Amino acid sequence: MKIFKKIKLSLQDNLPFVVYRKPNSKQVQSFFQKNTTLFFSNEFDEEGFVFAPFDNTKSSILIPLNESEVIHENLDDLSDNSKVVFESDSLKNKADIHIDLVKDAINAIKNNQFKKVVLSRDEEVLLKDFDAITVYQRLLVNYPTAFCYLWFHPKVGLWMGATPETLLDIKDNEFSTMSLAGTQIYNPEKETSWGEKELDEQQLVTDYITEKLREESEYLTVDNLETIKIGNLLHLRTKISGRAKYDIKSVIKVLHPTPAVCGFPKEESKSFILKNENYDRSFYTGFLGELNLTENNTRFSSLYVNLRCMQIKEDKAILYIGGGITKDSDPEKEWEETKVKSLAMKRVLS
């Protein structure tokens, strides 16, 4: 494919780019920036591809439409036969730290500091003979219903992922979003059931989003709760749609970071995360996607929450994994859930 050849050349020439495929699509799309300038977006009124951090007080990075070559290609048949050998860092110390962090969060919830908080961790995987194009192809093959991306800027780094969560789809003023929570391993021989903890967590996310969106939108519609399958995992999802009263920035401000990646109430849970996680999430649980593009005389943006992602640094992949904590959470089970979620990225590295 022309796009894959272009990726190789851009990496060799240290030029910024992003390649992505939307959920259930057969087309790969891309922006190849023609210079190494680091552009930013704060008002979200530019045209291009935006890459935003978790901390919404920091600037988002933009690959501008008017500084880029845009290429669209239909997918050929892909395979992931080649192998990358990896080793994970020692998880024993990580387990103790994460379990203690969850215990602290549960105590904070019981002391009414907040109702829910999403806690995360990172994990290093040592790589051998890593090839970004090969691993990205595996993402495309293994996660056809996810937003699969490969993003690079020489002044920032290389990120890739396959996220199941839409932050915002908006055409003119009509928008759709979702609340997403709960995780379990898919078992085709077992009937799917959800516990009270997962259902309560999902309801918290849905209630918060709808309450805040009512202030910025009209004609708000909330669909029924459903179970969706992404890779080997199941999640709870509720779709929400409406019409924005103002501009895209006002909707983004309400949604990001959502309770699904931060907690509820937002400011209190975010403060706990920044104070207690003891590492920098960077772009994990931020958002990314098309910003203010035009097609058939319609202005649109398609933004996704940056979940199931990793950063590539030299000979290692840094994986980012998290989970929602409520008063009913079990610290050991929360740790085990992060191990299950880490397999989404390890799967394409093995």
Protein backbone atom coordinates (compact mmCIF):
# COMPACT_ATOMS: atom_id res chain seq x y z
CA MET A 1 0.00 0.00 0.00
CA LYS A 2 1.13 3.54 -0.79
CA ILE A 3 0.38 4.65 2.78
CA PHE A 4 2.71 2.06 4.33
CA LYS A 5 5.52 3.09 1.98
CA LYS A 6 4.87 6.71 2.95
CA ILE A 7 5.05 5.79 6.68
CA LYS A 8 8.49 4.26 6.13
CA LEU A 9 9.76 7.35 4.32
CA SER A 10 8.32 9.73 6.95
CA LEU A 11 10.00 7.79 9.77
CA GLN A 12 13.29 7.83 7.88
CA ASP A 13 12.98 11.58 7.24
CA ASN A 14 11.70 12.33 10.78
CA LEU A 15 8.51 13.95 9.48
CA PRO A 16 5.24 14.00 11.47
CA PHE A 17 2.28 11.89 10.36
CA VAL A 18 -0.80 10.05 11.49
CA VAL A 19 -2.40 7.00 9.87
CA TYR A 20 -5.77 5.77 11.11
CA ARG A 21 -8.76 3.61 10.34
CA LYS A 22 -12.19 4.29 11.76
CA PRO A 23 -14.27 1.49 13.35
CA ASN A 24 -15.76 -1.02 10.88
CA SER A 25 -14.16 0.77 7.94
CA LYS A 26 -12.22 -0.70 5.02
CA GLN A 27 -10.32 2.53 4.42
CA VAL A 28 -7.06 3.76 5.94
CA GLN A 29 -6.68 7.54 6.10
CA SER A 30 -3.61 9.65 6.79
CA PHE A 31 -2.05 13.09 7.22
CA PHE A 32 1.65 13.38 6.29
CA GLN A 33 2.99 16.73 7.50
CA LYS A 34 5.47 18.39 5.13
CA ASN A 35 7.65 19.98 7.84
CA THR A 36 8.74 19.31 11.44
CA THR A 37 6.97 22.29 13.03
CA LEU A 38 5.11 21.46 16.24
CA PHE A 39 1.63 22.97 15.86
CA PHE A 40 -0.85 23.33 18.72
CA SER A 41 -4.61 23.68 19.06
CA ASN A 42 -6.23 25.35 22.06
CA GLU A 43 -9.52 26.60 20.63
CA PHE A 44 -10.24 23.53 18.45
CA ASP A 45 -11.22 25.77 15.55
CA GLU A 46 -8.41 24.62 13.22
CA GLU A 47 -8.61 21.99 10.49
CA GLY A 48 -6.54 18.82 10.74
CA PHE A 49 -5.82 15.94 13.10
CA VAL A 50 -5.72 16.70 16.83
CA PHE A 51 -3.83 14.76 19.54
CA ALA A 52 -4.82 15.92 23.04
CA PRO A 53 -3.38 14.96 26.46
CA PHE A 54 -5.32 13.74 29.48
CA ASP A 55 -4.62 16.96 31.36
CA ASN A 56 -6.97 19.44 29.70
CA THR A 57 -4.97 22.40 30.99
CA LYS A 58 -2.18 21.47 28.55
CA SER A 59 -2.12 22.23 24.82
CA SER A 60 -3.22 19.75 22.19
CA ILE A 61 -1.00 18.93 19.21
CA LEU A 62 -2.30 19.49 15.69
CA ILE A 63 -1.23 18.07 12.36
CA PRO A 64 -2.75 20.84 10.20
CA LEU A 65 -4.66 20.02 7.04
CA ASN A 66 -3.02 22.87 5.13
CA GLU A 67 0.49 21.66 6.04
CA SER A 68 -0.09 18.02 5.11
CA GLU A 69 -0.49 15.58 2.28
CA VAL A 70 -3.71 13.65 2.80
CA ILE A 71 -3.93 10.07 1.51
CA HIS A 72 -6.88 7.66 1.64
CA GLU A 73 -6.56 4.00 0.64
CA ASN A 74 -8.79 0.96 0.82
CA LEU A 75 -7.40 -1.89 2.89
CA ASP A 76 -5.87 -4.88 1.17
CA ASP A 77 -5.84 -8.27 2.88
CA LEU A 78 -3.48 -7.99 5.84
CA SER A 79 -1.79 -10.60 8.01
CA ASP A 80 0.27 -10.57 11.18
CA ASN A 81 2.48 -13.62 10.68
CA SER A 82 5.81 -12.04 11.65
CA LYS A 83 6.75 -12.07 15.33
CA VAL A 84 8.29 -9.63 17.76
CA VAL A 85 9.94 -11.08 20.84
CA PHE A 86 9.29 -9.15 24.03
CA GLU A 87 9.74 -9.27 27.77
CA SER A 88 7.60 -7.40 30.27
CA ASP A 89 9.09 -5.56 33.23
CA SER A 90 8.65 -7.08 36.69
CA LEU A 91 5.01 -6.75 37.72
CA LYS A 92 5.39 -7.67 41.40
CA ASN A 93 6.31 -4.14 42.45
CA LYS A 94 3.69 -2.71 40.08
CA ALA A 95 1.02 -4.90 41.70
CA ASP A 96 1.78 -3.71 45.22
CA ILE A 97 1.79 -0.06 44.17
CA HIS A 98 -1.45 -0.29 42.18
CA ILE A 99 -3.32 -2.26 44.86
CA ASP A 100 -2.31 0.30 47.50
CA LEU A 101 -3.42 3.11 45.21
CA VAL A 102 -6.84 1.48 44.74
CA LYS A 103 -7.19 1.08 48.52
CA ASP A 104 -6.44 4.78 48.98
CA ALA A 105 -9.06 5.65 46.36
CA ILE A 106 -11.72 3.47 48.02
CA ASN A 107 -11.04 5.21 51.34
CA ALA A 108 -11.36 8.59 49.63
CA ILE A 109 -14.71 7.54 48.13
CA LYS A 110 -15.95 6.38 51.53
CA ASN A 111 -14.89 9.79 52.89
CA ASN A 112 -17.07 11.43 50.21
CA GLN A 113 -14.21 13.05 48.26
CA PHE A 114 -15.73 11.71 45.03
CA LYS A 115 -17.98 8.86 43.86
CA LYS A 116 -15.70 7.30 41.25
CA VAL A 117 -12.11 7.61 40.09
CA VAL A 118 -10.29 5.95 37.19
CA LEU A 119 -6.80 4.82 38.16
CA SER A 120 -4.14 3.72 35.73
CA ARG A 121 -0.58 2.46 35.48
CA ASP A 122 2.08 1.96 32.85
CA GLU A 123 4.05 -1.15 31.95
CA GLU A 124 7.23 -1.46 29.93
CA VAL A 125 7.64 -4.17 27.33
CA LEU A 126 11.12 -4.77 25.92
CA LEU A 127 11.13 -5.10 22.13
CA LYS A 128 13.34 -6.88 19.66
CA ASP A 129 13.32 -6.06 15.94
CA PHE A 130 10.33 -3.76 16.36
CA ASP A 131 8.69 -2.58 13.14
CA ALA A 132 5.96 0.05 13.45
CA ILE A 133 4.24 -0.87 10.19
CA THR A 134 4.06 -4.58 11.07
CA VAL A 135 2.60 -3.88 14.51
CA TYR A 136 0.13 -1.37 13.11
CA GLN A 137 -1.06 -3.96 10.58
CA ARG A 138 -1.68 -6.34 13.47
CA LEU A 139 -3.81 -3.70 15.16
CA LEU A 140 -5.87 -3.38 11.99
CA VAL A 141 -6.33 -7.16 11.73
CA ASN A 142 -7.10 -7.84 15.38
CA TYR A 143 -9.34 -4.84 16.14
CA PRO A 144 -11.66 -4.21 13.16
CA THR A 145 -14.30 -2.48 15.34
CA ALA A 146 -11.83 -0.07 16.99
CA PHE A 147 -10.25 3.22 15.93
CA CYS A 148 -6.72 2.05 15.05
CA TYR A 149 -4.00 4.66 14.70
CA LEU A 150 -0.25 5.19 14.31
CA TRP A 151 0.91 8.72 15.22
CA PHE A 152 4.40 10.22 15.07
CA HIS A 153 6.07 13.55 15.64
CA PRO A 154 9.87 13.77 16.00
CA LYS A 155 9.50 16.33 18.81
CA VAL A 156 6.98 14.21 20.74
CA GLY A 157 7.38 10.52 19.88
CA LEU A 158 5.59 7.50 18.42
CA TRP A 159 2.17 6.40 19.68
CA MET A 160 -0.22 3.73 18.46
CA GLY A 161 -3.42 2.13 19.66
CA ALA A 162 -6.85 0.62 19.05
CA THR A 163 -9.47 2.46 21.06
CA PRO A 164 -13.11 1.34 21.45
CA GLU A 165 -14.44 4.67 22.72
CA THR A 166 -15.79 7.65 20.79
CA LEU A 167 -15.42 10.99 22.51
CA LEU A 168 -17.41 12.98 19.96
CA ASP A 169 -18.76 12.69 16.43
CA ILE A 170 -20.18 15.98 15.20
CA LYS A 171 -21.56 17.04 11.79
CA ASP A 172 -22.38 20.71 11.66
CA ASN A 173 -24.10 20.94 15.08
CA GLU A 174 -25.47 17.41 15.31
CA PHE A 175 -23.33 15.26 17.61
CA SER A 176 -23.11 11.78 19.11
CA THR A 177 -21.00 10.47 21.96
CA MET A 178 -21.05 7.52 24.35
CA SER A 179 -20.50 6.42 27.90
CA LEU A 180 -18.34 3.33 28.21
CA ALA A 181 -17.50 1.35 31.35
CA GLY A 182 -17.18 -2.18 32.67
CA THR A 183 -14.82 -4.84 31.36
CA GLN A 184 -14.87 -8.62 31.20
CA ILE A 185 -13.24 -11.28 29.06
CA TYR A 186 -15.45 -12.54 26.23
CA ASN A 187 -16.46 -16.18 26.61
CA PRO A 188 -18.57 -17.47 23.68
CA GLU A 189 -19.77 -20.44 25.76
CA LYS A 190 -21.01 -18.34 28.65
CA GLU A 191 -24.01 -16.02 28.83
CA THR A 192 -22.89 -12.46 29.50
CA SER A 193 -23.88 -11.00 32.86
CA TRP A 194 -22.78 -7.84 34.68
CA GLY A 195 -22.38 -7.25 38.39
CA GLU A 196 -23.78 -4.38 40.40
CA LYS A 197 -20.38 -2.66 40.52
CA GLU A 198 -20.07 -2.50 36.72
CA LEU A 199 -23.70 -1.43 36.22
CA ASP A 200 -23.41 1.30 38.86
CA GLU A 201 -20.17 2.53 37.33
CA GLN A 202 -21.73 2.71 33.88
CA GLN A 203 -24.77 4.59 35.22
CA LEU A 204 -22.53 7.15 36.94
CA VAL A 205 -20.77 7.84 33.65
CA THR A 206 -24.03 8.11 31.69
CA ASP A 207 -25.73 10.36 34.25
CA TYR A 208 -22.78 12.73 34.42
CA ILE A 209 -22.41 13.08 30.65
CA THR A 210 -26.13 13.65 30.04
CA GLU A 211 -26.40 16.15 32.89
CA LYS A 212 -23.50 18.24 31.59
CA LEU A 213 -24.51 18.00 27.93
CA ARG A 214 -27.98 19.38 28.68
CA GLU A 215 -26.30 22.70 29.49
CA GLU A 216 -24.54 22.83 26.10
CA SER A 217 -27.03 21.11 23.79
CA GLU A 218 -30.66 20.45 22.92
CA TYR A 219 -32.73 17.50 21.69
CA LEU A 220 -30.62 15.14 23.81
CA THR A 221 -31.33 11.43 23.29
CA VAL A 222 -30.01 8.57 25.45
CA ASP A 223 -30.13 5.06 23.97
CA ASN A 224 -30.56 1.82 25.89
CA LEU A 225 -27.59 0.20 27.62
CA GLU A 226 -25.84 -2.42 25.48
CA THR A 227 -22.90 -4.82 25.64
CA ILE A 228 -20.25 -4.48 22.94
CA LYS A 229 -17.28 -6.71 22.03
CA ILE A 230 -13.87 -5.24 21.16
CA GLY A 231 -11.19 -7.87 20.56
CA ASN A 232 -11.44 -10.37 23.40
CA LEU A 233 -13.13 -7.96 25.83
CA LEU A 234 -16.71 -6.93 26.53
CA HIS A 235 -17.81 -3.46 27.68
CA LEU A 236 -21.02 -1.67 28.62
CA ARG A 237 -21.99 1.20 26.34
CA THR A 238 -24.71 3.83 26.16
CA LYS A 239 -24.98 6.04 23.05
CA ILE A 240 -25.95 9.70 23.51
CA SER A 241 -26.81 12.22 20.79
CA GLY A 242 -28.07 15.77 20.42
CA ARG A 243 -27.51 19.19 18.86
CA ALA A 244 -24.82 21.55 20.13
CA LYS A 245 -26.01 25.04 21.06
CA TYR A 246 -22.61 26.67 20.61
CA ASP A 247 -19.29 25.45 19.16
CA ILE A 248 -17.25 22.24 19.30
CA LYS A 249 -14.97 23.60 22.03
CA SER A 250 -17.86 23.92 24.48
CA VAL A 251 -18.85 20.28 23.92
CA ILE A 252 -15.26 19.04 24.21
CA LYS A 253 -14.86 20.99 27.45
CA VAL A 254 -17.88 19.19 28.91
CA LEU A 255 -16.81 15.75 27.74
CA HIS A 256 -13.04 15.70 28.30
CA PRO A 257 -11.94 14.04 30.44
CA THR A 258 -15.08 11.93 30.84
CA PRO A 259 -15.91 9.98 34.01
CA ALA A 260 -14.94 6.86 32.03
CA VAL A 261 -11.28 7.94 32.11
CA CYS A 262 -11.22 10.36 35.04
CA GLY A 263 -14.06 9.94 37.52
CA PHE A 264 -16.97 11.76 39.08
CA PRO A 265 -17.12 14.57 40.07
CA LYS A 266 -14.52 15.45 37.42
CA GLU A 267 -12.37 18.05 39.17
CA GLU A 268 -12.12 16.14 42.44
CA SER A 269 -11.26 12.83 40.79
CA LYS A 270 -8.80 14.47 38.39
CA SER A 271 -7.04 16.13 41.31
CA PHE A 272 -6.69 12.76 43.05
CA ILE A 273 -5.25 11.21 39.87
CA LEU A 274 -2.67 13.94 39.31
CA LYS A 275 -1.62 13.83 42.96
CA ASN A 276 -1.54 10.06 43.52
CA GLU A 277 -0.86 8.13 40.30
CA ASN A 278 2.81 9.17 40.42
CA TYR A 279 3.43 8.96 36.70
CA ASP A 280 2.53 11.07 33.67
CA ARG A 281 -0.38 9.75 31.62
CA SER A 282 0.65 12.07 28.80
CA PHE A 283 -1.70 11.32 25.87
CA TYR A 284 -3.22 8.19 27.44
CA THR A 285 -6.92 8.93 28.18
CA GLY A 286 -6.62 12.09 26.13
CA PHE A 287 -8.35 12.19 22.75
CA LEU A 288 -7.43 12.23 19.08
CA GLY A 289 -9.02 12.43 15.66
CA GLU A 290 -10.24 14.49 12.73
CA LEU A 291 -10.95 18.13 13.56
CA ASN A 292 -13.18 20.45 11.52
CA LEU A 293 -12.82 18.71 8.17
CA THR A 294 -15.29 19.19 5.32
CA GLU A 295 -16.99 16.54 3.18
CA ASN A 296 -19.96 17.11 0.86
CA ASN A 297 -20.29 20.67 2.19
CA THR A 298 -20.63 19.33 5.74
CA ARG A 299 -18.17 20.29 8.48
CA PHE A 300 -17.38 17.39 10.78
CA SER A 301 -15.10 16.17 13.56
CA SER A 302 -14.54 12.58 14.69
CA LEU A 303 -12.74 12.32 18.03
CA TYR A 304 -11.83 9.22 20.03
CA VAL A 305 -10.66 8.65 23.61
CA ASN A 306 -7.07 7.41 23.60
CA LEU A 307 -7.45 4.01 25.27
CA ARG A 308 -5.65 0.70 24.57
CA CYS A 309 -2.59 2.54 23.45
CA MET A 310 1.17 2.48 23.81
CA GLN A 311 4.14 4.74 23.33
CA ILE A 312 7.25 3.41 21.59
CA LYS A 313 10.60 4.57 22.99
CA GLU A 314 13.71 3.08 21.42
CA ASP A 315 13.68 -0.64 22.34
CA LYS A 316 10.59 -0.62 24.56
CA ALA A 317 6.86 -0.16 24.39
CA ILE A 318 5.19 1.68 27.26
CA LEU A 319 1.67 0.31 27.73
CA TYR A 320 -1.03 2.28 29.57
CA ILE A 321 -3.84 0.50 31.41
CA GLY A 322 -6.57 1.66 33.79
CA GLY A 323 -9.91 0.90 35.38
CA GLY A 324 -12.77 2.57 37.20
CA ILE A 325 -12.83 2.48 41.00
CA THR A 326 -16.01 2.75 43.07
CA LYS A 327 -16.83 2.04 46.71
CA ASP A 328 -17.50 -1.61 45.80
CA SER A 329 -14.16 -2.21 44.03
CA ASP A 330 -11.89 -5.04 45.10
CA PRO A 331 -8.21 -3.90 44.91
CA GLU A 332 -6.83 -7.31 43.90
CA LYS A 333 -9.50 -7.76 41.22
CA GLU A 334 -8.79 -4.27 39.87
CA TRP A 335 -5.13 -5.22 39.49
CA GLU A 336 -6.09 -8.40 37.65
CA GLU A 337 -8.34 -6.37 35.35
CA THR A 338 -5.39 -4.18 34.32
CA LYS A 339 -3.43 -7.34 33.46
CA VAL A 340 -6.29 -8.51 31.23
CA LYS A 341 -6.51 -5.10 29.53
CA SER A 342 -2.75 -5.04 28.89
CA LEU A 343 -3.16 -8.08 26.65
CA ALA A 344 -4.85 -5.90 24.01
CA MET A 345 -1.50 -4.31 23.15
CA LYS A 346 0.70 -7.28 24.08
CA ARG A 347 -1.30 -9.33 21.61
CA VAL A 348 0.10 -7.33 18.70
CA LEU A 349 3.62 -7.41 20.11
CA SER A 350 3.84 -11.20 20.40
